[in-house]
PDB file of N, CA and C in Angstrom:
ATOM      1  N   MET A   1      -1.693  14.139 -11.098  1.00  0.00           N
ATOM      2  CA  MET A   1      -1.170  13.904  -9.773  1.00  0.00           C
ATOM      3  C   MET A   1      -1.506  15.088  -8.859  1.00  0.00           C
ATOM      4  N   GLU A   2      -1.452  16.290  -9.425  1.00  0.00           N
ATOM      5  CA  GLU A   2      -1.769  17.474  -8.623  1.00  0.00           C
ATOM      6  C   GLU A   2      -3.223  17.452  -8.154  1.00  0.00           C
ATOM      7  N   VAL A   3      -4.132  17.019  -9.025  1.00  0.00           N
ATOM      8  CA  VAL A   3      -5.549  16.945  -8.659  1.00  0.00           C
ATOM      9  C   VAL A   3      -5.738  15.971  -7.501  1.00  0.00           C
ATOM     10  N   GLU A   4      -5.072  14.829  -7.564  1.00  0.00           N
ATOM     11  CA  GLU A   4      -5.174  13.818  -6.511  1.00  0.00           C
ATOM     12  C   GLU A   4      -4.608  14.350  -5.194  1.00  0.00           C
ATOM     13  N   ILE A   5      -3.441  14.945  -5.230  1.00  0.00           N
ATOM     14  CA  ILE A   5      -2.831  15.492  -4.010  1.00  0.00           C
ATOM     15  C   ILE A   5      -3.694  16.600  -3.428  1.00  0.00           C
ATOM     16  N   ASP A   6      -4.208  17.480  -4.288  1.00  0.00           N
ATOM     17  CA  ASP A   6      -5.077  18.566  -3.822  1.00  0.00           C
ATOM     18  C   ASP A   6      -6.319  18.014  -3.118  1.00  0.00           C
ATOM     19  N   ALA A   7      -6.913  16.969  -3.684  1.00  0.00           N
ATOM     20  CA  ALA A   7      -8.105  16.361  -3.080  1.00  0.00           C
ATOM     21  C   ALA A   7      -7.776  15.739  -1.729  1.00  0.00           C
ATOM     22  N   LEU A   8      -6.633  15.057  -1.636  1.00  0.00           N
ATOM     23  CA  LEU A   8      -6.226  14.447  -0.367  1.00  0.00           C
ATOM     24  C   LEU A   8      -6.009  15.514   0.704  1.00  0.00           C
ATOM     25  N   GLN A   9      -5.376  16.615   0.339  1.00  0.00           N
ATOM     26  CA  GLN A   9      -5.129  17.695   1.285  1.00  0.00           C
ATOM     27  C   GLN A   9      -6.425  18.419   1.654  1.00  0.00           C
ATOM     28  N   LYS A  10      -7.261  18.696   0.666  1.00  0.00           N
ATOM     29  CA  LYS A  10      -8.520  19.397   0.908  1.00  0.00           C
ATOM     30  C   LYS A  10      -9.411  18.622   1.871  1.00  0.00           C
ATOM     31  N   ASN A  11      -9.433  17.295   1.740  1.00  0.00           N
ATOM     32  CA  ASN A  11     -10.277  16.455   2.591  1.00  0.00           C
ATOM     33  C   ASN A  11      -9.595  16.045   3.890  1.00  0.00           C
ATOM     34  N   LYS A  12      -8.391  16.553   4.116  1.00  0.00           N
ATOM     35  CA  LYS A  12      -7.654  16.280   5.363  1.00  0.00           C
ATOM     36  C   LYS A  12      -7.626  14.781   5.669  1.00  0.00           C
ATOM     37  N   THR A  13      -7.156  14.009   4.696  1.00  0.00           N
ATOM     38  CA  THR A  13      -7.161  12.557   4.840  1.00  0.00           C
ATOM     39  C   THR A  13      -6.045  12.032   5.727  1.00  0.00           C
ATOM     40  N   TRP A  14      -5.091  12.878   6.049  1.00  0.00           N
ATOM     41  CA  TRP A  14      -4.033  12.422   6.941  1.00  0.00           C
ATOM     42  C   TRP A  14      -3.525  13.570   7.790  1.00  0.00           C
ATOM     43  N   GLU A  15      -2.754  13.166   8.790  1.00  0.00           N
ATOM     44  CA  GLU A  15      -2.122  14.099   9.708  1.00  0.00           C
ATOM     45  C   GLU A  15      -0.696  13.592   9.899  1.00  0.00           C
ATOM     46  N   LEU A  16       0.276  14.427   9.622  1.00  0.00           N
ATOM     47  CA  LEU A  16       1.672  14.022   9.717  1.00  0.00           C
ATOM     48  C   LEU A  16       2.078  13.885  11.184  1.00  0.00           C
ATOM     49  N   THR A  17       2.552  12.707  11.555  1.00  0.00           N
ATOM     50  CA  THR A  17       2.959  12.430  12.938  1.00  0.00           C
ATOM     51  C   THR A  17       4.256  11.646  12.939  1.00  0.00           C
ATOM     52  N   GLU A  18       4.800  11.456  14.122  1.00  0.00           N
ATOM     53  CA  GLU A  18       5.992  10.619  14.284  1.00  0.00           C
ATOM     54  C   GLU A  18       5.564   9.155  14.254  1.00  0.00           C
ATOM     55  N   LEU A  19       6.407   8.305  13.675  1.00  0.00           N
ATOM     56  CA  LEU A  19       6.128   6.866  13.638  1.00  0.00           C
ATOM     57  C   LEU A  19       6.333   6.292  15.039  1.00  0.00           C
ATOM     58  N   PRO A  20       5.336   5.588  15.586  1.00  0.00           N
ATOM     59  CA  PRO A  20       5.492   5.000  16.925  1.00  0.00           C
ATOM     60  C   PRO A  20       6.649   4.001  16.954  1.00  0.00           C
ATOM     61  N   PRO A  21       7.306   3.856  18.089  1.00  0.00           N
ATOM     62  CA  PRO A  21       8.421   2.901  18.211  1.00  0.00           C
ATOM     63  C   PRO A  21       7.974   1.477  17.877  1.00  0.00           C
ATOM     64  N   GLY A  22       8.796   0.768  17.150  1.00  0.00           N
ATOM     65  CA  GLY A  22       8.517  -0.620  16.800  1.00  0.00           C
ATOM     66  C   GLY A  22       7.587  -0.806  15.616  1.00  0.00           C
ATOM     67  N   LYS A  23       7.146   0.285  15.010  1.00  0.00           N
ATOM     68  CA  LYS A  23       6.241   0.183  13.863  1.00  0.00           C
ATOM     69  C   LYS A  23       7.011   0.402  12.565  1.00  0.00           C
ATOM     70  N   THR A  24       6.578  -0.269  11.509  1.00  0.00           N
ATOM     71  CA  THR A  24       7.202  -0.142  10.197  1.00  0.00           C
ATOM     72  C   THR A  24       6.265   0.650   9.290  1.00  0.00           C
ATOM     73  N   PRO A  25       6.778   1.663   8.604  1.00  0.00           N
ATOM     74  CA  PRO A  25       5.890   2.437   7.721  1.00  0.00           C
ATOM     75  C   PRO A  25       5.443   1.621   6.510  1.00  0.00           C
ATOM     76  N   ILE A  26       4.255   1.918   6.027  1.00  0.00           N
ATOM     77  CA  ILE A  26       3.734   1.294   4.814  1.00  0.00           C
ATOM     78  C   ILE A  26       3.947   2.294   3.688  1.00  0.00           C
ATOM     79  N   GLY A  27       4.597   1.876   2.647  1.00  0.00           N
ATOM     80  CA  GLY A  27       4.893   2.770   1.532  1.00  0.00           C
ATOM     81  C   GLY A  27       3.678   3.048   0.666  1.00  0.00           C
ATOM     82  N   CYS A  28       3.882   3.886  -0.321  1.00  0.00           N
ATOM     83  CA  CYS A  28       2.816   4.194  -1.270  1.00  0.00           C
ATOM     84  C   CYS A  28       3.416   4.266  -2.673  1.00  0.00           C
ATOM     85  N   LYS A  29       2.543   4.258  -3.657  1.00  0.00           N
ATOM     86  CA  LYS A  29       3.008   4.360  -5.040  1.00  0.00           C
ATOM     87  C   LYS A  29       1.913   5.009  -5.865  1.00  0.00           C
ATOM     88  N   TRP A  30       2.306   5.562  -6.998  1.00  0.00           N
ATOM     89  CA  TRP A  30       1.360   6.155  -7.934  1.00  0.00           C
ATOM     90  C   TRP A  30       0.915   5.109  -8.941  1.00  0.00           C
ATOM     91  N   VAL A  31      -0.385   5.075  -9.223  1.00  0.00           N
ATOM     92  CA  VAL A  31      -0.945   4.189 -10.236  1.00  0.00           C
ATOM     93  C   VAL A  31      -1.545   5.091 -11.321  1.00  0.00           C
ATOM     94  N   TYR A  32      -1.135   4.868 -12.543  1.00  0.00           N
ATOM     95  CA  TYR A  32      -1.565   5.710 -13.665  1.00  0.00           C
ATOM     96  C   TYR A  32      -2.484   4.936 -14.600  1.00  0.00           C
ATOM     97  N   LYS A  33      -3.462   5.662 -15.168  1.00  0.00           N
ATOM     98  CA  LYS A  33      -4.371   5.038 -16.116  1.00  0.00           C
ATOM     99  C   LYS A  33      -4.759   6.071 -17.172  1.00  0.00           C
ATOM    100  N   VAL A  34      -4.829   5.623 -18.409  1.00  0.00           N
ATOM    101  CA  VAL A  34      -5.281   6.480 -19.499  1.00  0.00           C
ATOM    102  C   VAL A  34      -6.732   6.120 -19.792  1.00  0.00           C
ATOM    103  N   LYS A  35      -7.629   7.091 -19.643  1.00  0.00           N
ATOM    104  CA  LYS A  35      -9.044   6.882 -19.941  1.00  0.00           C
ATOM    105  C   LYS A  35      -9.265   7.217 -21.409  1.00  0.00           C
ATOM    106  N   LEU A  36      -9.950   6.319 -22.140  1.00  0.00           N
ATOM    107  CA  LEU A  36     -10.181   6.498 -23.568  1.00  0.00           C
ATOM    108  C   LEU A  36     -11.645   6.790 -23.867  1.00  0.00           C
ATOM    109  N   LYS A  37     -11.880   7.504 -24.942  1.00  0.00           N
ATOM    110  CA  LYS A  37     -13.228   7.739 -25.451  1.00  0.00           C
ATOM    111  C   LYS A  37     -13.654   6.504 -26.243  1.00  0.00           C
ATOM    112  N   ALA A  38     -14.887   6.480 -26.688  1.00  0.00           N
ATOM    113  CA  ALA A  38     -15.397   5.346 -27.461  1.00  0.00           C
ATOM    114  C   ALA A  38     -14.610   5.136 -28.750  1.00  0.00           C
ATOM    115  N   ASP A  39     -14.081   6.232 -29.320  1.00  0.00           N
ATOM    116  CA  ASP A  39     -13.320   6.108 -30.565  1.00  0.00           C
ATOM    117  C   ASP A  39     -11.836   5.819 -30.326  1.00  0.00           C
ATOM    118  N   LYS A  40     -11.498   5.463 -29.094  1.00  0.00           N
ATOM    119  CA  LYS A  40     -10.132   5.071 -28.693  1.00  0.00           C
ATOM    120  C   LYS A  40      -9.148   6.235 -28.597  1.00  0.00           C
ATOM    121  N   THR A  41      -9.620   7.478 -28.672  1.00  0.00           N
ATOM    122  CA  THR A  41      -8.731   8.616 -28.453  1.00  0.00           C
ATOM    123  C   THR A  41      -8.669   8.898 -26.956  1.00  0.00           C
ATOM    124  N   VAL A  42      -7.622   9.568 -26.519  1.00  0.00           N
ATOM    125  CA  VAL A  42      -7.403   9.819 -25.100  1.00  0.00           C
ATOM    126  C   VAL A  42      -8.421  10.826 -24.565  1.00  0.00           C
ATOM    127  N   LYS A  43      -9.128  10.422 -23.511  1.00  0.00           N
ATOM    128  CA  LYS A  43     -10.080  11.310 -22.846  1.00  0.00           C
ATOM    129  C   LYS A  43      -9.375  12.090 -21.745  1.00  0.00           C
ATOM    130  N   LYS A  44      -8.621  11.368 -20.881  1.00  0.00           N
ATOM    131  CA  LYS A  44      -7.849  12.022 -19.826  1.00  0.00           C
ATOM    132  C   LYS A  44      -6.858  11.037 -19.232  1.00  0.00           C
ATOM    133  N   HIS A  45      -5.885  11.581 -18.536  1.00  0.00           N
ATOM    134  CA  HIS A  45      -4.905  10.788 -17.804  1.00  0.00           C
ATOM    135  C   HIS A  45      -5.269  10.859 -16.324  1.00  0.00           C
ATOM    136  N   LYS A  46      -5.302   9.710 -15.659  1.00  0.00           N
ATOM    137  CA  LYS A  46      -5.667   9.672 -14.252  1.00  0.00           C
ATOM    138  C   LYS A  46      -4.493   9.163 -13.436  1.00  0.00           C
ATOM    139  N   ALA A  47      -4.414   9.642 -12.206  1.00  0.00           N
ATOM    140  CA  ALA A  47      -3.377   9.180 -11.278  1.00  0.00           C
ATOM    141  C   ALA A  47      -4.009   8.972  -9.915  1.00  0.00           C
ATOM    142  N   ARG A  48      -3.631   7.877  -9.242  1.00  0.00           N
ATOM    143  CA  ARG A  48      -4.095   7.599  -7.879  1.00  0.00           C
ATOM    144  C   ARG A  48      -2.891   7.290  -7.012  1.00  0.00           C
ATOM    145  N   LEU A  49      -2.907   7.788  -5.803  1.00  0.00           N
ATOM    146  CA  LEU A  49      -1.876   7.458  -4.829  1.00  0.00           C
ATOM    147  C   LEU A  49      -2.432   6.349  -3.950  1.00  0.00           C
ATOM    148  N   VAL A  50      -1.783   5.189  -3.955  1.00  0.00           N
ATOM    149  CA  VAL A  50      -2.272   4.033  -3.198  1.00  0.00           C
ATOM    150  C   VAL A  50      -1.200   3.520  -2.253  1.00  0.00           C
ATOM    151  N   THR A  51      -1.642   2.888  -1.177  1.00  0.00           N
ATOM    152  CA  THR A  51      -0.694   2.302  -0.231  1.00  0.00           C
ATOM    153  C   THR A  51      -0.266   0.930  -0.731  1.00  0.00           C
ATOM    154  N   LYS A  52       0.893   0.524  -0.302  1.00  0.00           N
ATOM    155  CA  LYS A  52       1.384  -0.816  -0.632  1.00  0.00           C
ATOM    156  C   LYS A  52       0.888  -1.771   0.453  1.00  0.00           C
ATOM    157  N   GLY A  53      -0.430  -1.990   0.441  1.00  0.00           N
ATOM    158  CA  GLY A  53      -1.067  -2.818   1.458  1.00  0.00           C
ATOM    159  C   GLY A  53      -0.573  -4.249   1.477  1.00  0.00           C
ATOM    160  N   TYR A  54      -0.012  -4.699   0.378  1.00  0.00           N
ATOM    161  CA  TYR A  54       0.487  -6.075   0.303  1.00  0.00           C
ATOM    162  C   TYR A  54       1.685  -6.306   1.220  1.00  0.00           C
ATOM    163  N   THR A  55       2.235  -5.250   1.805  1.00  0.00           N
ATOM    164  CA  THR A  55       3.356  -5.417   2.739  1.00  0.00           C
ATOM    165  C   THR A  55       2.869  -5.675   4.156  1.00  0.00           C
ATOM    166  N   GLN A  56       1.562  -5.570   4.384  1.00  0.00           N
ATOM    167  CA  GLN A  56       1.009  -5.798   5.717  1.00  0.00           C
ATOM    168  C   GLN A  56       0.798  -7.284   5.976  1.00  0.00           C
ATOM    169  N   GLN A  57       0.752  -7.642   7.270  1.00  0.00           N
ATOM    170  CA  GLN A  57       0.551  -9.034   7.655  1.00  0.00           C
ATOM    171  C   GLN A  57      -0.689  -9.138   8.533  1.00  0.00           C
ATOM    172  N   LEU A  58      -1.572 -10.078   8.189  1.00  0.00           N
ATOM    173  CA  LEU A  58      -2.793 -10.310   8.950  1.00  0.00           C
ATOM    174  C   LEU A  58      -2.460 -10.641  10.403  1.00  0.00           C
ATOM    175  N   GLY A  59      -3.134  -9.974  11.332  1.00  0.00           N
ATOM    176  CA  GLY A  59      -2.906 -10.210  12.751  1.00  0.00           C
ATOM    177  C   GLY A  59      -1.807  -9.348  13.349  1.00  0.00           C
ATOM    178  N   ILE A  60      -0.962  -8.785  12.493  1.00  0.00           N
ATOM    179  CA  ILE A  60       0.119  -7.920  12.977  1.00  0.00           C
ATOM    180  C   ILE A  60      -0.195  -6.468  12.625  1.00  0.00           C
ATOM    181  N   ASP A  61      -0.413  -6.198  11.352  1.00  0.00           N
ATOM    182  CA  ASP A  61      -0.695  -4.846  10.890  1.00  0.00           C
ATOM    183  C   ASP A  61      -2.196  -4.552  10.772  1.00  0.00           C
ATOM    184  N   TYR A  62      -3.013  -5.589  10.653  1.00  0.00           N
ATOM    185  CA  TYR A  62      -4.461  -5.400  10.542  1.00  0.00           C
ATOM    186  C   TYR A  62      -5.164  -6.668  10.992  1.00  0.00           C
ATOM    187  N   LEU A  63      -6.450  -6.520  11.350  1.00  0.00           N
ATOM    188  CA  LEU A  63      -7.228  -7.664  11.807  1.00  0.00           C
ATOM    189  C   LEU A  63      -8.347  -8.026  10.832  1.00  0.00           C
ATOM    190  N   GLU A  64      -8.832  -7.041  10.064  1.00  0.00           N
ATOM    191  CA  GLU A  64      -9.903  -7.314   9.118  1.00  0.00           C
ATOM    192  C   GLU A  64      -9.802  -6.339   7.958  1.00  0.00           C
ATOM    193  N   THR A  65     -10.500  -6.658   6.871  1.00  0.00           N
ATOM    194  CA  THR A  65     -10.520  -5.771   5.703  1.00  0.00           C
ATOM    195  C   THR A  65     -11.966  -5.477   5.340  1.00  0.00           C
ATOM    196  N   PHE A  66     -12.159  -4.377   4.653  1.00  0.00           N
ATOM    197  CA  PHE A  66     -13.484  -3.999   4.196  1.00  0.00           C
ATOM    198  C   PHE A  66     -13.344  -3.243   2.895  1.00  0.00           C
ATOM    199  N   SER A  67     -14.136  -3.620   1.910  1.00  0.00           N
ATOM    200  CA  SER A  67     -14.109  -2.944   0.623  1.00  0.00           C
ATOM    201  C   SER A  67     -15.545  -2.651   0.194  1.00  0.00           C
ATOM    202  N   PRO A  68     -15.940  -1.367   0.208  1.00  0.00           N
ATOM    203  CA  PRO A  68     -17.326  -1.029  -0.124  1.00  0.00           C
ATOM    204  C   PRO A  68     -17.602  -1.078  -1.631  1.00  0.00           C
ATOM    205  N   VAL A  69     -17.801  -2.280  -2.139  1.00  0.00           N
ATOM    206  CA  VAL A  69     -18.031  -2.471  -3.570  1.00  0.00           C
ATOM    207  C   VAL A  69     -19.364  -3.181  -3.757  1.00  0.00           C
ATOM    208  N   ALA A  70     -20.172  -2.665  -4.678  1.00  0.00           N
ATOM    209  CA  ALA A  70     -21.469  -3.291  -4.956  1.00  0.00           C
ATOM    210  C   ALA A  70     -21.274  -4.559  -5.777  1.00  0.00           C
ATOM    211  N   ARG A  71     -21.946  -5.604  -5.387  1.00  0.00           N
ATOM    212  CA  ARG A  71     -21.912  -6.850  -6.160  1.00  0.00           C
ATOM    213  C   ARG A  71     -22.768  -6.696  -7.411  1.00  0.00           C
ATOM    214  N   ILE A  72     -22.441  -7.438  -8.439  1.00  0.00           N
ATOM    215  CA  ILE A  72     -23.186  -7.358  -9.696  1.00  0.00           C
ATOM    216  C   ILE A  72     -24.641  -7.775  -9.492  1.00  0.00           C
ATOM    217  N   THR A  73     -24.887  -8.735  -8.597  1.00  0.00           N
ATOM    218  CA  THR A  73     -26.273  -9.156  -8.341  1.00  0.00           C
ATOM    219  C   THR A  73     -27.074  -8.017  -7.698  1.00  0.00           C
ATOM    220  N   THR A  74     -26.440  -7.224  -6.848  1.00  0.00           N
ATOM    221  CA  THR A  74     -27.110  -6.068  -6.247  1.00  0.00           C
ATOM    222  C   THR A  74     -27.449  -5.037  -7.313  1.00  0.00           C
ATOM    223  N   THR A  75     -26.505  -4.788  -8.206  1.00  0.00           N
ATOM    224  CA  THR A  75     -26.731  -3.830  -9.290  1.00  0.00           C
ATOM    225  C   THR A  75     -27.869  -4.295 -10.192  1.00  0.00           C
ATOM    226  N   ARG A  76     -27.883  -5.565 -10.543  1.00  0.00           N
ATOM    227  CA  ARG A  76     -28.945  -6.102 -11.402  1.00  0.00           C
ATOM    228  C   ARG A  76     -30.308  -6.021 -10.716  1.00  0.00           C
ATOM    229  N   THR A  77     -30.357  -6.317  -9.421  1.00  0.00           N
ATOM    230  CA  THR A  77     -31.606  -6.228  -8.669  1.00  0.00           C
ATOM    231  C   THR A  77     -32.099  -4.790  -8.635  1.00  0.00           C
ATOM    232  N   PHE A  78     -31.193  -3.856  -8.385  1.00  0.00           N
ATOM    233  CA  PHE A  78     -31.539  -2.434  -8.381  1.00  0.00           C
ATOM    234  C   PHE A  78     -32.116  -2.015  -9.723  1.00  0.00           C
ATOM    235  N   LEU A  79     -31.458  -2.393 -10.806  1.00  0.00           N
ATOM    236  CA  LEU A  79     -31.939  -2.037 -12.145  1.00  0.00           C
ATOM    237  C   LEU A  79     -33.294  -2.676 -12.451  1.00  0.00           C
ATOM    238  N   ALA A  80     -33.524  -3.889 -11.979  1.00  0.00           N
ATOM    239  CA  ALA A  80     -34.808  -4.556 -12.193  1.00  0.00           C
ATOM    240  C   ALA A  80     -35.931  -3.800 -11.480  1.00  0.00           C
ATOM    241  N   VAL A  81     -35.669  -3.324 -10.265  1.00  0.00           N
ATOM    242  CA  VAL A  81     -36.670  -2.553  -9.526  1.00  0.00           C
ATOM    243  C   VAL A  81     -36.938  -1.233 -10.237  1.00  0.00           C
ATOM    244  N   VAL A  82     -35.895  -0.573 -10.705  1.00  0.00           N
ATOM    245  CA  VAL A  82     -36.033   0.701 -11.430  1.00  0.00           C
ATOM    246  C   VAL A  82     -36.924   0.518 -12.653  1.00  0.00           C
ATOM    247  N   VAL A  83     -36.666  -0.512 -13.436  1.00  0.00           N
ATOM    248  CA  VAL A  83     -37.444  -0.762 -14.655  1.00  0.00           C
ATOM    249  C   VAL A  83     -38.887  -1.115 -14.304  1.00  0.00           C
ATOM    250  N   SER A  84     -39.081  -1.972 -13.303  1.00  0.00           N
ATOM    251  CA  SER A  84     -40.437  -2.415 -12.954  1.00  0.00           C
ATOM    252  C   SER A  84     -41.301  -1.276 -12.418  1.00  0.00           C
ATOM    253  N   ARG A  85     -40.679  -0.263 -11.809  1.00  0.00           N
ATOM    254  CA  ARG A  85     -41.430   0.873 -11.249  1.00  0.00           C
ATOM    255  C   ARG A  85     -41.377   2.117 -12.137  1.00  0.00           C
ATOM    256  N   ASN A  86     -40.752   1.971 -13.289  1.00  0.00           N
ATOM    257  CA  ASN A  86     -40.661   3.070 -14.256  1.00  0.00           C
ATOM    258  C   ASN A  86     -39.984   4.325 -13.664  1.00  0.00           C
ATOM    259  N   TRP A  87     -38.959   4.094 -12.847  1.00  0.00           N
ATOM    260  CA  TRP A  87     -38.204   5.189 -12.248  1.00  0.00           C
ATOM    261  C   TRP A  87     -37.155   5.689 -13.231  1.00  0.00           C
ATOM    262  N   HIS A  88     -36.673   6.889 -13.015  1.00  0.00           N
ATOM    263  CA  HIS A  88     -35.574   7.443 -13.799  1.00  0.00           C
ATOM    264  C   HIS A  88     -34.301   7.367 -12.967  1.00  0.00           C
ATOM    265  N   ILE A  89     -33.210   6.973 -13.584  1.00  0.00           N
ATOM    266  CA  ILE A  89     -31.921   6.950 -12.879  1.00  0.00           C
ATOM    267  C   ILE A  89     -30.901   7.737 -13.690  1.00  0.00           C
ATOM    268  N   HIS A  90     -29.899   8.193 -13.003  1.00  0.00           N
ATOM    269  CA  HIS A  90     -28.827   8.943 -13.639  1.00  0.00           C
ATOM    270  C   HIS A  90     -27.492   8.372 -13.181  1.00  0.00           C
ATOM    271  N   GLN A  91     -26.543   8.380 -14.079  1.00  0.00           N
ATOM    272  CA  GLN A  91     -25.193   7.938 -13.752  1.00  0.00           C
ATOM    273  C   GLN A  91     -24.345   9.171 -13.489  1.00  0.00           C
ATOM    274  N   MET A  92     -23.435   9.074 -12.527  1.00  0.00           N
ATOM    275  CA  MET A  92     -22.519  10.170 -12.264  1.00  0.00           C
ATOM    276  C   MET A  92     -21.150   9.609 -11.914  1.00  0.00           C
ATOM    277  N   ASP A  93     -20.153  10.386 -12.173  1.00  0.00           N
ATOM    278  CA  ASP A  93     -18.778   9.982 -11.904  1.00  0.00           C
ATOM    279  C   ASP A  93     -18.278  10.773 -10.704  1.00  0.00           C
ATOM    280  N   ILE A  94     -17.796  10.080  -9.694  1.00  0.00           N
ATOM    281  CA  ILE A  94     -17.258  10.725  -8.498  1.00  0.00           C
ATOM    282  C   ILE A  94     -15.747  10.821  -8.665  1.00  0.00           C
ATOM    283  N   ASN A  95     -15.230  12.038  -8.612  1.00  0.00           N
ATOM    284  CA  ASN A  95     -13.783  12.225  -8.761  1.00  0.00           C
ATOM    285  C   ASN A  95     -13.019  11.680  -7.559  1.00  0.00           C
ATOM    286  N   ASN A  96     -13.499  11.987  -6.382  1.00  0.00           N
ATOM    287  CA  ASN A  96     -12.844  11.532  -5.158  1.00  0.00           C
ATOM    288  C   ASN A  96     -13.903  11.179  -4.138  1.00  0.00           C
ATOM    289  N   ALA A  97     -13.733  10.055  -3.492  1.00  0.00           N
ATOM    290  CA  ALA A  97     -14.660   9.648  -2.441  1.00  0.00           C
ATOM    291  C   ALA A  97     -13.852   9.347  -1.185  1.00  0.00           C
ATOM    292  N   PHE A  98     -14.239   9.951  -0.095  1.00  0.00           N
ATOM    293  CA  PHE A  98     -13.524   9.757   1.163  1.00  0.00           C
ATOM    294  C   PHE A  98     -14.508   9.370   2.243  1.00  0.00           C
ATOM    295  N   LEU A  99     -14.129   8.410   3.046  1.00  0.00           N
ATOM    296  CA  LEU A  99     -14.940   8.017   4.188  1.00  0.00           C
ATOM    297  C   LEU A  99     -14.477   8.833   5.388  1.00  0.00           C
ATOM    298  N   HIS A 100     -15.424   9.454   6.073  1.00  0.00           N
ATOM    299  CA  HIS A 100     -15.078  10.227   7.255  1.00  0.00           C
ATOM    300  C   HIS A 100     -15.564   9.452   8.483  1.00  0.00           C
ATOM    301  N   GLY A 101     -14.655   9.063   9.303  1.00  0.00           N
ATOM    302  CA  GLY A 101     -15.002   8.338  10.508  1.00  0.00           C
ATOM    303  C   GLY A 101     -13.838   8.338  11.460  1.00  0.00           C
ATOM    304  N   ASP A 102     -14.142   8.136  12.720  1.00  0.00           N
ATOM    305  CA  ASP A 102     -13.095   8.076  13.731  1.00  0.00           C
ATOM    306  C   ASP A 102     -12.582   6.641  13.836  1.00  0.00           C
ATOM    307  N   LEU A 103     -11.265   6.503  13.874  1.00  0.00           N
ATOM    308  CA  LEU A 103     -10.649   5.192  14.031  1.00  0.00           C
ATOM    309  C   LEU A 103     -10.123   5.052  15.445  1.00  0.00           C
ATOM    310  N   ASN A 104     -10.378   3.894  16.045  1.00  0.00           N
ATOM    311  CA  ASN A 104      -9.848   3.622  17.376  1.00  0.00           C
ATOM    312  C   ASN A 104      -8.457   2.997  17.299  1.00  0.00           C
ATOM    313  N   GLU A 105      -8.088   2.524  16.101  1.00  0.00           N
ATOM    314  CA  GLU A 105      -6.818   1.849  15.919  1.00  0.00           C
ATOM    315  C   GLU A 105      -5.733   2.850  15.529  1.00  0.00           C
ATOM    316  N   THR A 106      -4.483   2.465  15.808  1.00  0.00           N
ATOM    317  CA  THR A 106      -3.350   3.242  15.321  1.00  0.00           C
ATOM    318  C   THR A 106      -3.155   2.890  13.866  1.00  0.00           C
ATOM    319  N   VAL A 107      -3.070   3.896  13.017  1.00  0.00           N
ATOM    320  CA  VAL A 107      -2.904   3.660  11.585  1.00  0.00           C
ATOM    321  C   VAL A 107      -1.524   4.119  11.179  1.00  0.00           C
TER     322      VAL A 107
END
């Protein structure tokens, strides 16, 4: 949990402000996962702080959603191109990924 909080603070993912009048706060919760090695022994314990987005209502709290996830067909196409061109690829694990952008909406 400390690693997650440190990453959120280091990347300045939020700014503490007063809640605007008439707005309802969205809560958050911790999600825990145990990562295992191939032999089923514990590799590490992971924790993520997530918002309770299911409390939001379409058209009131948000207008659209976006999830940057690669489709399996995209991954397969990428791998087919890599193999056909004899390229080398490497896998890496990203501990924390943050999108940096300006929002015009009140969050």
